[in-house]
Amino acid sequence: MTTFTQQSTLGQQQARPQLPTLPTGWPIGSYESYEQAQRAVDHLAGADFPVTDVTIVGVEPMLVERIAGKMSWGRVLGNAATSGAMFGLFLGLVLSMVNPGAGLVPIVIGVVAGLGINLALGSLGYAASRNKRGFVSQSQLVARRYDVLSQPRNAEKGRALLADLAARSAFIH
């Protein structure tokens, strides 16, 4: 959900933090995707419409979790080894720049230490939660539809501009 915020001038602090509020305004368009709603607001901005009066509202939000794969010991250890070695390499490079006479010793120690520590931590974490979740996923918040709202003083003009956009889009397709 989008909320209106007040911008303060440079050096001037707001008296209180902005709290989430319900959106206000009249609906001037409704779209199946956020991309379409963005395109509508871009169209309004291109027509010199006061877009500061506009809000995009996701209606009927859903949390979508897409499964990326099965979690296994091999995957856990491989990811832990890779990230640990990269972090250790970074630390080793930094230490070797600080002490140029040390040669490759800080780099090797950094890689080995990063690899070992991350493998141990990754193994412990996976062993502790193995029975709870056997897969890797990515979550995303989406909405069933996206409404574009405008403050009443400009709502009719906004509806007309978006109707023009819809008519041109229908003509092109």
Protein backbone atom coordinates (compact mmCIF):
# COMPACT_ATOMS: atom_id res chain seq x y z
CA MET A 1 0.00 0.00 0.00
CA THR A 2 1.30 3.47 -0.83
CA THR A 3 0.90 6.42 1.51
CA PHE A 4 1.27 10.11 0.89
CA THR A 5 4.29 11.62 2.58
CA GLN A 6 5.12 15.21 3.22
CA GLN A 7 8.50 16.46 2.09
CA SER A 8 10.29 18.85 4.39
CA THR A 9 12.70 21.52 3.33
CA LEU A 10 16.40 20.89 3.74
CA GLY A 11 17.47 21.15 7.37
CA GLN A 12 13.91 21.14 8.67
CA GLN A 13 12.80 18.01 10.54
CA GLN A 14 9.26 16.74 10.67
CA ALA A 15 7.51 16.95 14.03
CA ARG A 16 6.46 13.28 14.02
CA PRO A 17 7.12 10.22 11.91
CA GLN A 18 4.71 9.44 9.10
CA LEU A 19 2.41 6.60 10.13
CA PRO A 20 0.80 4.25 7.61
CA THR A 21 -2.64 5.42 6.56
CA LEU A 22 -5.29 4.14 4.19
CA PRO A 23 -5.11 5.65 0.71
CA THR A 24 -7.51 8.40 -0.23
CA GLY A 25 -8.90 9.46 -3.57
CA TRP A 26 -11.23 8.34 -6.29
CA PRO A 27 -10.47 5.40 -8.59
CA ILE A 28 -9.47 6.56 -12.06
CA GLY A 29 -8.16 3.24 -13.41
CA SER A 30 -7.81 -0.44 -12.55
CA TYR A 31 -5.13 -2.77 -13.94
CA GLU A 32 -4.22 -6.44 -13.81
CA SER A 33 -0.49 -5.86 -13.24
CA TYR A 34 1.68 -3.34 -11.44
CA GLU A 35 3.49 -2.69 -14.73
CA GLN A 36 0.22 -1.56 -16.34
CA ALA A 37 -0.55 0.73 -13.39
CA GLN A 38 2.95 2.22 -13.64
CA ARG A 39 2.45 2.79 -17.37
CA ALA A 40 -0.81 4.60 -16.60
CA VAL A 41 0.88 6.91 -14.09
CA ASP A 42 3.72 7.53 -16.57
CA HIS A 43 1.07 8.53 -19.12
CA LEU A 44 -0.48 10.92 -16.61
CA ALA A 45 2.94 12.42 -15.85
CA GLY A 46 3.60 12.89 -19.56
CA ALA A 47 0.31 14.79 -19.86
CA ASP A 48 1.32 17.22 -17.09
CA PHE A 49 -1.20 15.69 -14.68
CA PRO A 50 -0.37 16.45 -11.01
CA VAL A 51 0.94 12.96 -10.19
CA THR A 52 1.51 13.91 -6.56
CA ASP A 53 -2.27 13.47 -6.24
CA VAL A 54 -2.02 9.86 -7.50
CA THR A 55 -1.67 6.62 -5.54
CA ILE A 56 -1.28 3.06 -6.83
CA VAL A 57 -3.06 0.59 -4.53
CA GLY A 58 -2.60 -3.16 -4.68
CA VAL A 59 -5.98 -4.76 -3.98
CA GLU A 60 -6.30 -8.25 -2.48
CA PRO A 61 -2.62 -8.78 -1.67
CA MET A 62 -1.20 -12.30 -1.78
CA LEU A 63 2.08 -13.73 -0.60
CA VAL A 64 3.41 -15.97 -3.38
CA GLU A 65 6.21 -18.39 -2.51
CA ARG A 66 7.98 -19.91 -5.50
CA ILE A 67 9.92 -23.08 -4.77
CA ALA A 68 13.44 -22.91 -6.22
CA GLY A 69 14.55 -26.43 -5.34
CA LYS A 70 15.07 -29.11 -2.76
CA MET A 71 17.35 -28.43 0.18
CA SER A 72 20.04 -31.06 0.69
CA TRP A 73 23.34 -31.47 2.53
CA GLY A 74 25.20 -31.02 -0.75
CA ARG A 75 23.46 -27.75 -1.52
CA VAL A 76 23.94 -26.42 2.02
CA LEU A 77 27.64 -27.34 2.15
CA GLY A 78 28.29 -26.08 -1.39
CA ASN A 79 26.68 -22.70 -0.69
CA ALA A 80 28.44 -22.40 2.68
CA ALA A 81 31.82 -23.30 1.16
CA THR A 82 31.43 -20.83 -1.70
CA SER A 83 30.36 -17.88 0.44
CA GLY A 84 32.93 -18.68 3.14
CA ALA A 85 35.77 -18.93 0.64
CA MET A 86 34.77 -15.65 -1.03
CA PHE A 87 34.57 -13.82 2.28
CA GLY A 88 37.90 -15.33 3.38
CA LEU A 89 39.50 -14.34 0.07
CA PHE A 90 38.28 -10.77 0.53
CA LEU A 91 39.66 -10.60 4.08
CA GLY A 92 42.93 -12.18 2.97
CA LEU A 93 43.33 -9.64 0.16
CA VAL A 94 42.67 -6.76 2.55
CA LEU A 95 45.19 -8.12 5.06
CA SER A 96 47.79 -8.70 2.35
CA MET A 97 47.43 -5.07 1.21
CA VAL A 98 47.91 -3.86 4.78
CA ASN A 99 51.03 -6.04 5.16
CA PRO A 100 52.54 -6.39 1.67
CA GLY A 101 55.59 -8.34 2.92
CA ALA A 102 53.44 -11.29 4.09
CA GLY A 103 52.99 -12.67 0.56
CA LEU A 104 50.15 -15.13 0.01
CA VAL A 105 49.93 -16.30 3.62
CA PRO A 106 47.06 -13.94 4.66
CA ILE A 107 45.10 -14.91 1.54
CA VAL A 108 45.46 -18.65 2.16
CA ILE A 109 44.66 -18.28 5.87
CA GLY A 110 41.61 -16.12 5.03
CA VAL A 111 40.24 -18.61 2.49
CA VAL A 112 40.78 -21.63 4.77
CA ALA A 113 39.35 -19.87 7.84
CA GLY A 114 36.33 -18.50 5.94
CA LEU A 115 35.66 -21.89 4.39
CA GLY A 116 35.95 -23.75 7.71
CA ILE A 117 33.89 -21.35 9.77
CA ASN A 118 31.11 -21.03 7.19
CA LEU A 119 30.95 -24.81 6.65
CA ALA A 120 30.59 -25.34 10.40
CA LEU A 121 27.91 -22.67 10.79
CA GLY A 122 26.00 -23.80 7.69
CA SER A 123 26.05 -27.43 8.85
CA LEU A 124 24.84 -26.56 12.33
CA GLY A 125 22.06 -24.37 10.97
CA TYR A 126 20.84 -27.00 8.53
CA ALA A 127 21.03 -29.81 11.10
CA ALA A 128 18.98 -27.74 13.54
CA SER A 129 16.20 -26.98 11.03
CA ARG A 130 16.32 -30.02 8.73
CA ASN A 131 12.94 -31.44 9.74
CA LYS A 132 11.18 -28.09 9.40
CA ARG A 133 11.86 -27.12 5.80
CA GLY A 134 13.32 -29.26 3.04
CA PHE A 135 13.24 -26.75 0.21
CA VAL A 136 14.54 -23.35 -0.91
CA SER A 137 12.06 -20.69 -1.99
CA GLN A 138 11.60 -17.02 -2.81
CA SER A 139 8.63 -15.01 -1.51
CA GLN A 140 6.96 -12.12 -3.26
CA LEU A 141 4.02 -9.91 -2.32
CA VAL A 142 1.64 -9.39 -5.26
CA ALA A 143 -1.92 -8.12 -5.66
CA ARG A 144 -4.87 -9.43 -7.65
CA ARG A 145 -5.31 -5.97 -9.21
CA TYR A 146 -3.85 -2.48 -8.98
CA ASP A 147 -6.11 0.56 -8.71
CA VAL A 148 -4.90 4.04 -9.56
CA LEU A 149 -6.49 6.66 -7.30
CA SER A 150 -6.51 10.43 -7.66
CA GLN A 151 -7.58 13.17 -5.32
CA PRO A 152 -11.10 14.32 -6.22
CA ARG A 153 -9.99 17.73 -7.54
CA ASN A 154 -8.29 16.03 -10.54
CA ALA A 155 -10.11 12.71 -10.78
CA GLU A 156 -12.22 13.51 -13.85
CA LYS A 157 -9.22 14.77 -15.81
CA GLY A 158 -7.29 11.64 -14.79
CA ARG A 159 -10.11 9.33 -15.91
CA ALA A 160 -10.24 11.08 -19.28
CA LEU A 161 -6.47 10.77 -19.78
CA LEU A 162 -6.49 7.08 -18.83
CA ALA A 163 -9.49 6.41 -21.09
CA ASP A 164 -7.49 7.99 -23.93
CA LEU A 165 -4.54 5.70 -23.08
CA ALA A 166 -6.80 2.64 -23.06
CA ALA A 167 -8.32 3.62 -26.41
CA ARG A 168 -4.90 4.10 -28.01
CA SER A 169 -3.67 0.80 -26.53
CA ALA A 170 -6.72 -1.03 -27.91
CA PHE A 171 -6.15 0.52 -31.32
CA ILE A 172 -2.50 -0.56 -31.38
CA HIS A 173 -3.26 -4.16 -30.38
